[in-house]
Amino acid sequence: MAAKDTECDDKLFDAILQRDGHVLRDLLPEQVDIEYDLRSRYHDRVLPGKKGHLAEKNFIIRILYKNAY
C-alpha cells in the first residue's frame, strides 16, 4: 500500500472516530473499557475476529488491526 493511501485511510478513520454523525460510524465495533495502560492505543474499539481472507479487504477491520501488533 502506498504512503498516500495509508495517509488517506488514517484521515478517514480519524473522521469516523471523531464525528458522531459520520455515516460509517455504525460499522465500528463497540468501545472497550480497559483499566490498565500498558501502551498507547490507536483506537478504543474491540478488535473483531477475522473470519477469513475477505475480512482483510474490509476497510474497518483492516484499519482496526493496522497498529495492533
PDB file of N, CA and C in Angstrom:
ATOM      1  N   MET A   1       0.846  -1.165   0.000  1.00  0.00           N
ATOM      2  CA  MET A   1       0.000   0.000   0.000  1.00  0.00           C
ATOM      3  C   MET A   1       0.896   1.234   0.000  1.00  0.00           C
ATOM      4  N   ALA A   2       0.593   2.178  -0.835  1.00  0.00           N
ATOM      5  CA  ALA A   2       1.395   3.393  -0.949  1.00  0.00           C
ATOM      6  C   ALA A   2       1.198   4.286   0.278  1.00  0.00           C
ATOM      7  N   ALA A   3       2.174   5.145   0.511  1.00  0.00           N
ATOM      8  CA  ALA A   3       2.116   6.045   1.671  1.00  0.00           C
ATOM      9  C   ALA A   3       0.902   6.966   1.590  1.00  0.00           C
ATOM     10  N   LYS A   4       0.559   7.425   0.408  1.00  0.00           N
ATOM     11  CA  LYS A   4      -0.599   8.314   0.240  1.00  0.00           C
ATOM     12  C   LYS A   4      -1.884   7.580   0.609  1.00  0.00           C
ATOM     13  N   ASP A   5      -1.999   6.306   0.216  1.00  0.00           N
ATOM     14  CA  ASP A   5      -3.186   5.515   0.557  1.00  0.00           C
ATOM     15  C   ASP A   5      -3.303   5.342   2.068  1.00  0.00           C
ATOM     16  N   THR A   6      -2.193   5.078   2.716  1.00  0.00           N
ATOM     17  CA  THR A   6      -2.189   4.912   4.167  1.00  0.00           C
ATOM     18  C   THR A   6      -2.591   6.204   4.864  1.00  0.00           C
ATOM     19  N   GLU A   7      -2.085   7.318   4.363  1.00  0.00           N
ATOM     20  CA  GLU A   7      -2.430   8.617   4.940  1.00  0.00           C
ATOM     21  C   GLU A   7      -3.925   8.911   4.783  1.00  0.00           C
ATOM     22  N   CYS A   8      -4.481   8.595   3.629  1.00  0.00           N
ATOM     23  CA  CYS A   8      -5.910   8.802   3.388  1.00  0.00           C
ATOM     24  C   CYS A   8      -6.753   7.888   4.280  1.00  0.00           C
ATOM     25  N   ASP A   9      -6.318   6.641   4.445  1.00  0.00           N
ATOM     26  CA  ASP A   9      -7.025   5.711   5.335  1.00  0.00           C
ATOM     27  C   ASP A   9      -7.045   6.241   6.765  1.00  0.00           C
ATOM     28  N   ASP A  10      -5.908   6.757   7.222  1.00  0.00           N
ATOM     29  CA  ASP A  10      -5.818   7.299   8.580  1.00  0.00           C
ATOM     30  C   ASP A  10      -6.745   8.498   8.758  1.00  0.00           C
ATOM     31  N   LYS A  11      -6.792   9.378   7.772  1.00  0.00           N
ATOM     32  CA  LYS A  11      -7.661  10.556   7.849  1.00  0.00           C
ATOM     33  C   LYS A  11      -9.134  10.149   7.895  1.00  0.00           C
ATOM     34  N   LEU A  12      -9.505   9.169   7.076  1.00  0.00           N
ATOM     35  CA  LEU A  12     -10.889   8.702   7.068  1.00  0.00           C
ATOM     36  C   LEU A  12     -11.245   8.063   8.401  1.00  0.00           C
ATOM     37  N   PHE A  13     -10.369   7.220   8.934  1.00  0.00           N
ATOM     38  CA  PHE A  13     -10.643   6.562  10.210  1.00  0.00           C
ATOM     39  C   PHE A  13     -10.757   7.590  11.338  1.00  0.00           C
ATOM     40  N   ASP A  14      -9.881   8.588  11.346  1.00  0.00           N
ATOM     41  CA  ASP A  14      -9.965   9.642  12.355  1.00  0.00           C
ATOM     42  C   ASP A  14     -11.286  10.391  12.258  1.00  0.00           C
ATOM     43  N   ALA A  15     -11.739  10.648  11.040  1.00  0.00           N
ATOM     44  CA  ALA A  15     -13.018  11.338  10.852  1.00  0.00           C
ATOM     45  C   ALA A  15     -14.173  10.486  11.372  1.00  0.00           C
ATOM     46  N   ILE A  16     -14.115   9.189  11.139  1.00  0.00           N
ATOM     47  CA  ILE A  16     -15.159   8.282  11.626  1.00  0.00           C
ATOM     48  C   ILE A  16     -15.198   8.279  13.151  1.00  0.00           C
ATOM     49  N   LEU A  17     -14.025   8.233  13.779  1.00  0.00           N
ATOM     50  CA  LEU A  17     -13.954   8.210  15.239  1.00  0.00           C
ATOM     51  C   LEU A  17     -14.409   9.522  15.873  1.00  0.00           C
ATOM     52  N   GLN A  18     -14.104  10.638  15.242  1.00  0.00           N
ATOM     53  CA  GLN A  18     -14.352  11.943  15.846  1.00  0.00           C
ATOM     54  C   GLN A  18     -15.756  12.473  15.620  1.00  0.00           C
ATOM     55  N   ARG A  19     -16.414  12.085  14.554  1.00  0.00           N
ATOM     56  CA  ARG A  19     -17.731  12.639  14.228  1.00  0.00           C
ATOM     57  C   ARG A  19     -18.833  11.634  14.568  1.00  0.00           C
ATOM     58  N   ASP A  20     -19.681  12.014  15.511  1.00  0.00           N
ATOM     59  CA  ASP A  20     -20.779  11.135  15.921  1.00  0.00           C
ATOM     60  C   ASP A  20     -21.747  10.851  14.784  1.00  0.00           C
ATOM     61  N   GLY A  21     -21.933  11.793  13.885  1.00  0.00           N
ATOM     62  CA  GLY A  21     -22.896  11.629  12.799  1.00  0.00           C
ATOM     63  C   GLY A  21     -22.317  11.048  11.526  1.00  0.00           C
ATOM     64  N   HIS A  22     -21.070  10.567  11.562  1.00  0.00           N
ATOM     65  CA  HIS A  22     -20.448  10.026  10.347  1.00  0.00           C
ATOM     66  C   HIS A  22     -21.199   8.783   9.897  1.00  0.00           C
ATOM     67  N   VAL A  23     -21.409   8.679   8.594  1.00  0.00           N
ATOM     68  CA  VAL A  23     -22.218   7.592   8.039  1.00  0.00           C
ATOM     69  C   VAL A  23     -21.602   6.207   8.306  1.00  0.00           C
ATOM     70  N   LEU A  24     -20.295   6.110   8.452  1.00  0.00           N
ATOM     71  CA  LEU A  24     -19.640   4.825   8.697  1.00  0.00           C
ATOM     72  C   LEU A  24     -19.482   4.491  10.179  1.00  0.00           C
ATOM     73  N   ARG A  25     -19.862   5.386  11.045  1.00  0.00           N
ATOM     74  CA  ARG A  25     -19.674   5.193  12.492  1.00  0.00           C
ATOM     75  C   ARG A  25     -20.408   3.950  13.016  1.00  0.00           C
ATOM     76  N   ASP A  26     -21.556   3.633  12.458  1.00  0.00           N
ATOM     77  CA  ASP A  26     -22.321   2.458  12.901  1.00  0.00           C
ATOM     78  C   ASP A  26     -21.620   1.141  12.583  1.00  0.00           C
ATOM     79  N   LEU A  27     -20.636   1.171  11.690  1.00  0.00           N
ATOM     80  CA  LEU A  27     -19.908  -0.048  11.339  1.00  0.00           C
ATOM     81  C   LEU A  27     -18.792  -0.386  12.326  1.00  0.00           C
ATOM     82  N   LEU A  28     -18.442   0.574  13.187  1.00  0.00           N
ATOM     83  CA  LEU A  28     -17.392   0.328  14.173  1.00  0.00           C
ATOM     84  C   LEU A  28     -17.895  -0.586  15.280  1.00  0.00           C
ATOM     85  N   PRO A  29     -17.009  -1.447  15.787  1.00  0.00           N
ATOM     86  CA  PRO A  29     -17.396  -2.257  16.945  1.00  0.00           C
ATOM     87  C   PRO A  29     -17.513  -1.373  18.186  1.00  0.00           C
ATOM     88  N   GLU A  30     -18.059  -1.924  19.235  1.00  0.00           N
ATOM     89  CA  GLU A  30     -18.253  -1.140  20.462  1.00  0.00           C
ATOM     90  C   GLU A  30     -16.909  -0.768  21.093  1.00  0.00           C
ATOM     91  N   GLN A  31     -16.956   0.238  21.947  1.00  0.00           N
ATOM     92  CA  GLN A  31     -15.755   0.679  22.644  1.00  0.00           C
ATOM     93  C   GLN A  31     -15.395  -0.316  23.745  1.00  0.00           C
ATOM     94  N   VAL A  32     -14.115  -0.445  23.999  1.00  0.00           N
ATOM     95  CA  VAL A  32     -13.627  -1.328  25.044  1.00  0.00           C
ATOM     96  C   VAL A  32     -13.183  -0.459  26.217  1.00  0.00           C
ATOM     97  N   ASP A  33     -13.474  -0.918  27.421  1.00  0.00           N
ATOM     98  CA  ASP A  33     -13.083  -0.196  28.625  1.00  0.00           C
ATOM     99  C   ASP A  33     -11.935  -0.957  29.277  1.00  0.00           C
ATOM    100  N   ILE A  34     -10.722  -0.438  29.126  1.00  0.00           N
ATOM    101  CA  ILE A  34      -9.531  -1.091  29.659  1.00  0.00           C
ATOM    102  C   ILE A  34      -9.059  -0.314  30.875  1.00  0.00           C
ATOM    103  N   GLU A  35      -8.832  -1.020  31.959  1.00  0.00           N
ATOM    104  CA  GLU A  35      -8.437  -0.368  33.204  1.00  0.00           C
ATOM    105  C   GLU A  35      -6.926  -0.227  33.351  1.00  0.00           C
ATOM    106  N   TYR A  36      -6.164  -0.831  32.481  1.00  0.00           N
ATOM    107  CA  TYR A  36      -4.716  -0.721  32.549  1.00  0.00           C
ATOM    108  C   TYR A  36      -4.206   0.079  31.346  1.00  0.00           C
ATOM    109  N   ASP A  37      -2.992   0.579  31.440  1.00  0.00           N
ATOM    110  CA  ASP A  37      -2.425   1.412  30.390  1.00  0.00           C
ATOM    111  C   ASP A  37      -0.986   0.966  30.130  1.00  0.00           C
ATOM    112  N   LEU A  38      -0.838  -0.145  29.411  1.00  0.00           N
ATOM    113  CA  LEU A  38       0.497  -0.655  29.137  1.00  0.00           C
ATOM    114  C   LEU A  38       1.189   0.116  28.019  1.00  0.00           C
ATOM    115  N   ARG A  39       0.446   0.496  27.026  1.00  0.00           N
ATOM    116  CA  ARG A  39       0.974   1.283  25.920  1.00  0.00           C
ATOM    117  C   ARG A  39      -0.174   2.049  25.282  1.00  0.00           C
ATOM    118  N   SER A  40       0.155   3.068  24.526  1.00  0.00           N
ATOM    119  CA  SER A  40      -0.910   3.849  23.892  1.00  0.00           C
ATOM    120  C   SER A  40      -1.583   3.019  22.807  1.00  0.00           C
ATOM    121  N   ARG A  41      -2.860   3.265  22.639  1.00  0.00           N
ATOM    122  CA  ARG A  41      -3.642   2.532  21.651  1.00  0.00           C
ATOM    123  C   ARG A  41      -4.039   3.459  20.518  1.00  0.00           C
ATOM    124  N   TYR A  42      -4.131   2.915  19.326  1.00  0.00           N
ATOM    125  CA  TYR A  42      -4.517   3.678  18.143  1.00  0.00           C
ATOM    126  C   TYR A  42      -6.003   4.031  18.189  1.00  0.00           C
ATOM    127  N   HIS A  43      -6.795   3.176  18.825  1.00  0.00           N
ATOM    128  CA  HIS A  43      -8.231   3.390  18.942  1.00  0.00           C
ATOM    129  C   HIS A  43      -8.736   2.713  20.206  1.00  0.00           C
ATOM    130  N   ASP A  44      -9.966   2.988  20.569  1.00  0.00           N
ATOM    131  CA  ASP A  44     -10.562   2.426  21.788  1.00  0.00           C
ATOM    132  C   ASP A  44     -11.669   1.431  21.469  1.00  0.00           C
ATOM    133  N   ARG A  45     -11.502   0.671  20.407  1.00  0.00           N
ATOM    134  CA  ARG A  45     -12.531  -0.258  19.942  1.00  0.00           C
ATOM    135  C   ARG A  45     -12.115  -1.705  20.151  1.00  0.00           C
ATOM    136  N   VAL A  46     -13.112  -2.570  20.252  1.00  0.00           N
ATOM    137  CA  VAL A  46     -12.891  -4.011  20.360  1.00  0.00           C
ATOM    138  C   VAL A  46     -12.405  -4.527  19.009  1.00  0.00           C
ATOM    139  N   LEU A  47     -11.409  -5.404  19.036  1.00  0.00           N
ATOM    140  CA  LEU A  47     -10.933  -5.998  17.790  1.00  0.00           C
ATOM    141  C   LEU A  47     -11.809  -7.196  17.446  1.00  0.00           C
ATOM    142  N   PRO A  48     -12.515  -7.137  16.318  1.00  0.00           N
ATOM    143  CA  PRO A  48     -13.348  -8.275  15.929  1.00  0.00           C
ATOM    144  C   PRO A  48     -12.484  -9.423  15.419  1.00  0.00           C
ATOM    145  N   GLY A  49     -12.998 -10.622  15.512  1.00  0.00           N
ATOM    146  CA  GLY A  49     -12.272 -11.768  14.987  1.00  0.00           C
ATOM    147  C   GLY A  49     -12.245 -11.748  13.474  1.00  0.00           C
ATOM    148  N   LYS A  50     -11.120 -12.157  12.911  1.00  0.00           N
ATOM    149  CA  LYS A  50     -11.018 -12.246  11.453  1.00  0.00           C
ATOM    150  C   LYS A  50     -11.659 -13.559  11.033  1.00  0.00           C
ATOM    151  N   LYS A  51     -12.583 -13.477  10.107  1.00  0.00           N
ATOM    152  CA  LYS A  51     -13.339 -14.666   9.717  1.00  0.00           C
ATOM    153  C   LYS A  51     -13.000 -15.139   8.314  1.00  0.00           C
ATOM    154  N   GLY A  52     -11.775 -14.896   7.871  1.00  0.00           N
ATOM    155  CA  GLY A  52     -11.357 -15.350   6.562  1.00  0.00           C
ATOM    156  C   GLY A  52     -10.558 -14.291   5.837  1.00  0.00           C
ATOM    157  N   HIS A  53     -10.087 -14.656   4.668  1.00  0.00           N
ATOM    158  CA  HIS A  53      -9.223 -13.740   3.925  1.00  0.00           C
ATOM    159  C   HIS A  53      -9.968 -12.512   3.397  1.00  0.00           C
ATOM    160  N   LEU A  54     -11.275 -12.601   3.224  1.00  0.00           N
ATOM    161  CA  LEU A  54     -12.037 -11.447   2.751  1.00  0.00           C
ATOM    162  C   LEU A  54     -12.150 -10.359   3.819  1.00  0.00           C
ATOM    163  N   ALA A  55     -12.014 -10.726   5.080  1.00  0.00           N
ATOM    164  CA  ALA A  55     -12.077  -9.738   6.154  1.00  0.00           C
ATOM    165  C   ALA A  55     -10.935  -8.734   6.037  1.00  0.00           C
ATOM    166  N   GLU A  56      -9.803  -9.162   5.494  1.00  0.00           N
ATOM    167  CA  GLU A  56      -8.673  -8.260   5.331  1.00  0.00           C
ATOM    168  C   GLU A  56      -8.929  -7.207   4.262  1.00  0.00           C
ATOM    169  N   LYS A  57      -9.913  -7.412   3.424  1.00  0.00           N
ATOM    170  CA  LYS A  57     -10.272  -6.445   2.384  1.00  0.00           C
ATOM    171  C   LYS A  57     -11.241  -5.392   2.922  1.00  0.00           C
ATOM    172  N   ASN A  58     -11.860  -5.657   4.056  1.00  0.00           N
ATOM    173  CA  ASN A  58     -12.813  -4.735   4.660  1.00  0.00           C
ATOM    174  C   ASN A  58     -12.055  -3.576   5.302  1.00  0.00           C
ATOM    175  N   PHE A  59     -12.412  -2.337   4.943  1.00  0.00           N
ATOM    176  CA  PHE A  59     -11.686  -1.171   5.442  1.00  0.00           C
ATOM    177  C   PHE A  59     -11.702  -1.095   6.962  1.00  0.00           C
ATOM    178  N   ILE A  60     -12.862  -1.261   7.569  1.00  0.00           N
ATOM    179  CA  ILE A  60     -12.985  -1.117   9.013  1.00  0.00           C
ATOM    180  C   ILE A  60     -12.115  -2.140   9.738  1.00  0.00           C
ATOM    181  N   ILE A  61     -12.187  -3.385   9.352  1.00  0.00           N
ATOM    182  CA  ILE A  61     -11.383  -4.426  10.007  1.00  0.00           C
ATOM    183  C   ILE A  61      -9.901  -4.197   9.760  1.00  0.00           C
ATOM    184  N   ARG A  62      -9.538  -3.838   8.532  1.00  0.00           N
ATOM    185  CA  ARG A  62      -8.130  -3.599   8.204  1.00  0.00           C
ATOM    186  C   ARG A  62      -7.548  -2.456   9.041  1.00  0.00           C
ATOM    187  N   ILE A  63      -8.278  -1.369   9.189  1.00  0.00           N
ATOM    188  CA  ILE A  63      -7.766  -0.209   9.922  1.00  0.00           C
ATOM    189  C   ILE A  63      -7.751  -0.470  11.433  1.00  0.00           C
ATOM    190  N   LEU A  64      -8.684  -1.269  11.940  1.00  0.00           N
ATOM    191  CA  LEU A  64      -8.678  -1.603  13.360  1.00  0.00           C
ATOM    192  C   LEU A  64      -7.452  -2.433  13.729  1.00  0.00           C
ATOM    193  N   TYR A  65      -7.018  -3.308  12.837  1.00  0.00           N
ATOM    194  CA  TYR A  65      -5.864  -4.157  13.091  1.00  0.00           C
ATOM    195  C   TYR A  65      -4.536  -3.527  12.672  1.00  0.00           C
ATOM    196  N   LYS A  66      -4.583  -2.358  12.076  1.00  0.00           N
ATOM    197  CA  LYS A  66      -3.398  -1.729  11.484  1.00  0.00           C
ATOM    198  C   LYS A  66      -2.223  -1.647  12.458  1.00  0.00           C
ATOM    199  N   ASN A  67      -2.419  -1.091  13.614  1.00  0.00           N
ATOM    200  CA  ASN A  67      -1.327  -0.925  14.584  1.00  0.00           C
ATOM    201  C   ASN A  67      -1.550  -1.782  15.819  1.00  0.00           C
ATOM    202  N   ALA A  68      -2.119  -2.947  15.643  1.00  0.00           N
ATOM    203  CA  ALA A  68      -2.455  -3.798  16.787  1.00  0.00           C
ATOM    204  C   ALA A  68      -1.249  -4.567  17.320  1.00  0.00           C
ATOM    205  N   TYR A  69      -0.203  -4.679  16.540  1.00  0.00           N
ATOM    206  CA  TYR A  69       0.928  -5.513  16.968  1.00  0.00           C
ATOM    207  C   TYR A  69       2.141  -4.686  17.267  1.00  0.00           C
TER     208      TYR A  69
END
